[in-house]
Amino acid sequence: MITIYGISNCDTVKKSRRHLEQNNIDYHFHDFRKDGLDDALLQQLLANFSPETLINKRGTTWRQLTPEQQQTIMDPRLAASLLAQFPAIIRRPVIRSGSNEWAIGFDSLTALTSPS
């Protein structure tokens, strides 16, 4: 089963969920704000993505960080605590397939779920 990670009010997450529903694909949605972002999930994210890939630098959350926080969050060794504090900074949706493949973004989702 596919797991979609994100924030429920994110337009791209809504679009992704709609795509899965329209194509009758079973999925689980994990909302970073409601379901949390524990250390195990953070470590999985950081093991599968570099901070440059994982972090949305175009969003308001990024722009509201201090330069020191921005520098810290780009260091994979130090990023986990700030990602836990600011989950909206993570690019969305993050996708984990049933075979434990990880991807980010709507285009990655459609590539993963399109018939072979």
N, C-alpha and C. Protein backbone atom coordinates (compact mmCIF):
# COMPACT_ATOMS: atom_id res chain seq x y z
N MET A 1 0.84 -1.18 0.00
CA MET A 1 0.00 0.00 0.00
C MET A 1 0.88 1.24 0.00
N ILE A 2 0.46 2.24 -0.70
CA ILE A 2 1.17 3.51 -0.77
C ILE A 2 0.83 4.35 0.46
N THR A 3 1.82 5.03 0.98
CA THR A 3 1.61 6.00 2.06
C THR A 3 1.97 7.37 1.52
N ILE A 4 1.06 8.31 1.70
CA ILE A 4 1.27 9.71 1.32
C ILE A 4 1.51 10.49 2.60
N TYR A 5 2.61 11.22 2.66
CA TYR A 5 2.94 12.05 3.81
C TYR A 5 2.80 13.51 3.38
N GLY A 6 2.19 14.30 4.22
CA GLY A 6 2.06 15.72 3.90
C GLY A 6 1.20 16.43 4.91
N ILE A 7 0.57 17.48 4.44
CA ILE A 7 -0.30 18.32 5.26
C ILE A 7 -1.64 18.41 4.54
N SER A 8 -2.72 18.19 5.26
CA SER A 8 -4.03 18.03 4.63
C SER A 8 -4.48 19.25 3.83
N ASN A 9 -4.07 20.44 4.18
CA ASN A 9 -4.53 21.62 3.45
C ASN A 9 -3.61 22.00 2.28
N CYS A 10 -2.60 21.19 2.00
CA CYS A 10 -1.69 21.45 0.88
C CYS A 10 -2.38 21.08 -0.43
N ASP A 11 -2.38 21.98 -1.40
CA ASP A 11 -3.03 21.74 -2.68
C ASP A 11 -2.46 20.54 -3.42
N THR A 12 -1.15 20.36 -3.37
CA THR A 12 -0.54 19.24 -4.07
C THR A 12 -0.88 17.92 -3.40
N VAL A 13 -1.00 17.93 -2.09
CA VAL A 13 -1.42 16.73 -1.37
C VAL A 13 -2.87 16.41 -1.73
N LYS A 14 -3.73 17.41 -1.78
CA LYS A 14 -5.12 17.19 -2.18
C LYS A 14 -5.19 16.61 -3.58
N LYS A 15 -4.42 17.16 -4.49
CA LYS A 15 -4.37 16.68 -5.87
C LYS A 15 -3.89 15.23 -5.92
N SER A 16 -2.90 14.91 -5.13
CA SER A 16 -2.35 13.54 -5.08
C SER A 16 -3.39 12.56 -4.55
N ARG A 17 -4.07 12.93 -3.51
CA ARG A 17 -5.09 12.05 -2.93
C ARG A 17 -6.24 11.85 -3.91
N ARG A 18 -6.61 12.91 -4.58
CA ARG A 18 -7.67 12.82 -5.59
C ARG A 18 -7.26 11.85 -6.71
N HIS A 19 -6.01 11.96 -7.16
CA HIS A 19 -5.48 11.08 -8.20
C HIS A 19 -5.58 9.61 -7.77
N LEU A 20 -5.18 9.32 -6.55
CA LEU A 20 -5.22 7.95 -6.06
C LEU A 20 -6.66 7.44 -5.96
N GLU A 21 -7.54 8.28 -5.46
CA GLU A 21 -8.95 7.89 -5.33
C GLU A 21 -9.59 7.67 -6.69
N GLN A 22 -9.32 8.54 -7.65
CA GLN A 22 -9.90 8.41 -8.98
C GLN A 22 -9.41 7.16 -9.70
N ASN A 23 -8.21 6.70 -9.33
CA ASN A 23 -7.64 5.51 -9.95
C ASN A 23 -7.80 4.27 -9.08
N ASN A 24 -8.66 4.37 -8.06
CA ASN A 24 -8.95 3.24 -7.16
C ASN A 24 -7.70 2.59 -6.59
N ILE A 25 -6.77 3.42 -6.14
CA ILE A 25 -5.53 2.94 -5.54
C ILE A 25 -5.62 3.14 -4.03
N ASP A 26 -5.49 2.03 -3.30
CA ASP A 26 -5.51 2.10 -1.84
C ASP A 26 -4.28 2.85 -1.34
N TYR A 27 -4.49 3.70 -0.37
CA TYR A 27 -3.37 4.45 0.21
C TYR A 27 -3.69 4.81 1.65
N HIS A 28 -2.67 5.15 2.35
CA HIS A 28 -2.79 5.68 3.71
C HIS A 28 -2.24 7.10 3.68
N PHE A 29 -2.95 8.03 4.32
CA PHE A 29 -2.46 9.41 4.39
C PHE A 29 -1.96 9.68 5.80
N HIS A 30 -0.74 10.17 5.88
CA HIS A 30 -0.11 10.54 7.16
C HIS A 30 0.06 12.05 7.16
N ASP A 31 -0.71 12.72 7.99
CA ASP A 31 -0.64 14.18 8.10
C ASP A 31 0.43 14.53 9.13
N PHE A 32 1.45 15.25 8.67
CA PHE A 32 2.54 15.63 9.57
C PHE A 32 2.04 16.38 10.80
N ARG A 33 1.02 17.21 10.63
CA ARG A 33 0.54 18.00 11.76
C ARG A 33 -0.33 17.19 12.70
N LYS A 34 -1.21 16.36 12.16
CA LYS A 34 -2.14 15.60 13.00
C LYS A 34 -1.53 14.30 13.51
N ASP A 35 -0.79 13.61 12.66
CA ASP A 35 -0.24 12.30 13.01
C ASP A 35 1.18 12.37 13.56
N GLY A 36 1.78 13.53 13.42
CA GLY A 36 3.11 13.73 13.97
C GLY A 36 4.24 13.39 13.01
N LEU A 37 5.41 13.70 13.47
CA LEU A 37 6.64 13.48 12.71
C LEU A 37 7.67 13.00 13.72
N ASP A 38 7.62 11.71 14.02
CA ASP A 38 8.50 11.17 15.06
C ASP A 38 9.92 10.98 14.53
N ASP A 39 10.81 10.66 15.45
CA ASP A 39 12.22 10.54 15.11
C ASP A 39 12.48 9.45 14.08
N ALA A 40 11.75 8.33 14.16
CA ALA A 40 11.95 7.23 13.21
C ALA A 40 11.61 7.68 11.79
N LEU A 41 10.49 8.39 11.64
CA LEU A 41 10.10 8.88 10.31
C LEU A 41 11.09 9.93 9.82
N LEU A 42 11.52 10.82 10.69
CA LEU A 42 12.51 11.83 10.31
C LEU A 42 13.79 11.17 9.81
N GLN A 43 14.23 10.15 10.50
CA GLN A 43 15.46 9.46 10.09
C GLN A 43 15.28 8.77 8.74
N GLN A 44 14.09 8.20 8.49
CA GLN A 44 13.81 7.59 7.19
C GLN A 44 13.85 8.64 6.09
N LEU A 45 13.24 9.77 6.34
CA LEU A 45 13.22 10.85 5.35
C LEU A 45 14.64 11.31 5.04
N LEU A 46 15.43 11.52 6.09
CA LEU A 46 16.80 12.00 5.90
C LEU A 46 17.71 10.93 5.31
N ALA A 47 17.37 9.67 5.49
CA ALA A 47 18.16 8.59 4.89
C ALA A 47 17.85 8.46 3.40
N ASN A 48 16.65 8.87 2.98
CA ASN A 48 16.24 8.70 1.59
C ASN A 48 16.35 9.97 0.75
N PHE A 49 16.45 11.12 1.40
CA PHE A 49 16.51 12.39 0.67
C PHE A 49 17.55 13.30 1.29
N SER A 50 18.25 14.03 0.46
CA SER A 50 19.14 15.07 0.96
C SER A 50 18.27 16.24 1.42
N PRO A 51 18.78 17.08 2.30
CA PRO A 51 18.00 18.26 2.70
C PRO A 51 17.63 19.13 1.49
N GLU A 52 18.50 19.20 0.49
CA GLU A 52 18.21 20.01 -0.69
C GLU A 52 16.96 19.51 -1.41
N THR A 53 16.76 18.20 -1.40
CA THR A 53 15.59 17.60 -2.05
C THR A 53 14.37 17.68 -1.15
N LEU A 54 14.56 17.49 0.13
CA LEU A 54 13.46 17.38 1.09
C LEU A 54 12.83 18.73 1.45
N ILE A 55 13.61 19.78 1.42
CA ILE A 55 13.15 21.07 1.94
C ILE A 55 12.61 21.96 0.83
N ASN A 56 11.44 22.53 1.10
CA ASN A 56 10.80 23.45 0.17
C ASN A 56 11.28 24.87 0.49
N LYS A 57 12.18 25.36 -0.33
CA LYS A 57 12.73 26.70 -0.10
C LYS A 57 11.85 27.81 -0.68
N ARG A 58 10.76 27.43 -1.35
CA ARG A 58 9.89 28.45 -1.93
C ARG A 58 8.73 28.83 -1.03
N GLY A 59 8.53 28.09 0.05
CA GLY A 59 7.39 28.33 0.92
C GLY A 59 7.63 29.38 1.98
N THR A 60 6.55 29.79 2.60
CA THR A 60 6.63 30.82 3.64
C THR A 60 7.38 30.32 4.87
N THR A 61 7.26 29.04 5.17
CA THR A 61 7.95 28.52 6.35
C THR A 61 9.46 28.73 6.22
N TRP A 62 10.01 28.43 5.05
CA TRP A 62 11.44 28.63 4.81
C TRP A 62 11.81 30.10 4.97
N ARG A 63 11.02 30.97 4.39
CA ARG A 63 11.33 32.41 4.44
C ARG A 63 11.23 32.97 5.85
N GLN A 64 10.44 32.33 6.71
CA GLN A 64 10.30 32.81 8.08
C GLN A 64 11.42 32.33 9.00
N LEU A 65 12.21 31.37 8.55
CA LEU A 65 13.34 30.91 9.37
C LEU A 65 14.45 31.95 9.37
N THR A 66 15.19 32.01 10.45
CA THR A 66 16.34 32.89 10.51
C THR A 66 17.44 32.31 9.61
N PRO A 67 18.39 33.10 9.18
CA PRO A 67 19.50 32.56 8.40
C PRO A 67 20.23 31.42 9.12
N GLU A 68 20.34 31.52 10.44
CA GLU A 68 20.99 30.46 11.21
C GLU A 68 20.19 29.16 11.13
N GLN A 69 18.86 29.26 11.26
CA GLN A 69 18.01 28.08 11.15
C GLN A 69 18.09 27.48 9.75
N GLN A 70 18.09 28.33 8.74
CA GLN A 70 18.19 27.84 7.36
C GLN A 70 19.49 27.07 7.15
N GLN A 71 20.56 27.58 7.72
CA GLN A 71 21.85 26.90 7.57
C GLN A 71 21.84 25.57 8.32
N THR A 72 21.27 25.55 9.51
CA THR A 72 21.22 24.34 10.32
C THR A 72 20.38 23.27 9.64
N ILE A 73 19.24 23.65 9.10
CA ILE A 73 18.32 22.66 8.53
C ILE A 73 18.89 22.04 7.26
N MET A 74 19.86 22.68 6.64
CA MET A 74 20.47 22.12 5.44
C MET A 74 21.58 21.12 5.77
N ASP A 75 21.91 20.98 7.05
CA ASP A 75 22.92 20.00 7.48
C ASP A 75 22.18 18.72 7.88
N PRO A 76 22.38 17.62 7.15
CA PRO A 76 21.64 16.39 7.47
C PRO A 76 21.80 15.92 8.91
N ARG A 77 22.92 16.22 9.54
CA ARG A 77 23.13 15.79 10.92
C ARG A 77 22.31 16.61 11.90
N LEU A 78 21.93 17.83 11.52
CA LEU A 78 21.24 18.73 12.44
C LEU A 78 19.78 19.00 12.04
N ALA A 79 19.37 18.51 10.90
CA ALA A 79 18.08 18.88 10.33
C ALA A 79 16.88 18.32 11.09
N ALA A 80 17.00 17.16 11.69
CA ALA A 80 15.84 16.47 12.26
C ALA A 80 15.05 17.32 13.25
N SER A 81 15.72 18.02 14.14
CA SER A 81 14.98 18.77 15.16
C SER A 81 14.20 19.93 14.54
N LEU A 82 14.78 20.61 13.57
CA LEU A 82 14.05 21.71 12.93
C LEU A 82 12.93 21.19 12.03
N LEU A 83 13.14 20.05 11.38
CA LEU A 83 12.06 19.46 10.57
C LEU A 83 10.89 19.06 11.45
N ALA A 84 11.18 18.54 12.62
CA ALA A 84 10.12 18.18 13.56
C ALA A 84 9.37 19.42 14.03
N GLN A 85 10.10 20.50 14.22
CA GLN A 85 9.50 21.76 14.69
C GLN A 85 8.72 22.46 13.58
N PHE A 86 9.17 22.33 12.32
CA PHE A 86 8.55 23.00 11.19
C PHE A 86 8.22 22.00 10.07
N PRO A 87 7.24 21.10 10.28
CA PRO A 87 6.96 20.08 9.27
C PRO A 87 6.45 20.66 7.94
N ALA A 88 5.94 21.87 7.95
CA ALA A 88 5.44 22.48 6.71
C ALA A 88 6.58 22.80 5.75
N ILE A 89 7.81 22.72 6.21
CA ILE A 89 8.95 23.03 5.36
C ILE A 89 9.29 21.86 4.42
N ILE A 90 8.72 20.69 4.70
CA ILE A 90 9.00 19.51 3.88
C ILE A 90 8.20 19.58 2.58
N ARG A 91 8.89 19.35 1.46
CA ARG A 91 8.20 19.31 0.17
C ARG A 91 7.15 18.21 0.19
N ARG A 92 6.06 18.45 -0.52
CA ARG A 92 4.95 17.52 -0.46
C ARG A 92 4.42 17.22 -1.85
N PRO A 93 3.80 16.04 -1.93
CA PRO A 93 3.74 14.97 -0.96
C PRO A 93 5.00 14.13 -0.99
N VAL A 94 5.29 13.53 0.16
CA VAL A 94 6.32 12.50 0.23
C VAL A 94 5.58 11.19 0.07
N ILE A 95 6.11 10.32 -0.76
CA ILE A 95 5.44 9.06 -1.07
C ILE A 95 6.34 7.89 -0.69
N ARG A 96 5.74 6.90 -0.06
CA ARG A 96 6.44 5.63 0.18
C ARG A 96 5.58 4.53 -0.41
N SER A 97 6.15 3.82 -1.37
CA SER A 97 5.40 2.75 -2.02
C SER A 97 5.37 1.52 -1.13
N GLY A 98 4.54 0.55 -1.53
CA GLY A 98 4.46 -0.70 -0.79
C GLY A 98 5.78 -1.45 -0.78
N SER A 99 6.62 -1.21 -1.80
CA SER A 99 7.93 -1.87 -1.85
C SER A 99 9.02 -1.00 -1.22
N ASN A 100 8.59 -0.02 -0.43
CA ASN A 100 9.48 0.87 0.33
C ASN A 100 10.35 1.75 -0.56
N GLU A 101 9.84 2.11 -1.73
CA GLU A 101 10.49 3.13 -2.56
C GLU A 101 9.97 4.48 -2.08
N TRP A 102 10.86 5.46 -2.04
CA TRP A 102 10.50 6.81 -1.59
C TRP A 102 10.59 7.78 -2.75
N ALA A 103 9.67 8.75 -2.78
CA ALA A 103 9.68 9.78 -3.82
C ALA A 103 9.02 11.02 -3.24
N ILE A 104 9.22 12.13 -3.95
CA ILE A 104 8.59 13.39 -3.53
C ILE A 104 7.94 14.02 -4.75
N GLY A 105 6.72 14.51 -4.57
CA GLY A 105 6.05 15.30 -5.60
C GLY A 105 4.97 14.54 -6.35
N PHE A 106 4.05 15.30 -6.91
CA PHE A 106 2.93 14.73 -7.65
C PHE A 106 3.39 13.95 -8.87
N ASP A 107 4.35 14.48 -9.61
CA ASP A 107 4.84 13.78 -10.81
C ASP A 107 5.44 12.43 -10.44
N SER A 108 6.14 12.36 -9.34
CA SER A 108 6.69 11.08 -8.88
C SER A 108 5.57 10.11 -8.52
N LEU A 109 4.52 10.62 -7.93
CA LEU A 109 3.37 9.78 -7.58
C LEU A 109 2.72 9.21 -8.83
N THR A 110 2.48 10.05 -9.81
CA THR A 110 1.82 9.57 -11.02
C THR A 110 2.73 8.57 -11.76
N ALA A 111 4.04 8.78 -11.75
CA ALA A 111 4.95 7.83 -12.38
C ALA A 111 4.92 6.50 -11.64
N LEU A 112 4.82 6.54 -10.34
CA LEU A 112 4.82 5.35 -9.52
C LEU A 112 3.50 4.57 -9.68
N THR A 113 2.41 5.27 -9.92
CA THR A 113 1.09 4.63 -9.94
C THR A 113 0.52 4.41 -11.33
N SER A 114 1.24 4.83 -12.36
CA SER A 114 0.73 4.62 -13.72
C SER A 114 0.91 3.16 -14.11
N PRO A 115 -0.04 2.62 -14.87
CA PRO A 115 0.10 1.22 -15.29
C PRO A 115 1.34 1.00 -16.12
N SER A 116 1.97 -0.14 -15.92
CA SER A 116 3.21 -0.46 -16.65
C SER A 116 2.91 -0.95 -18.03
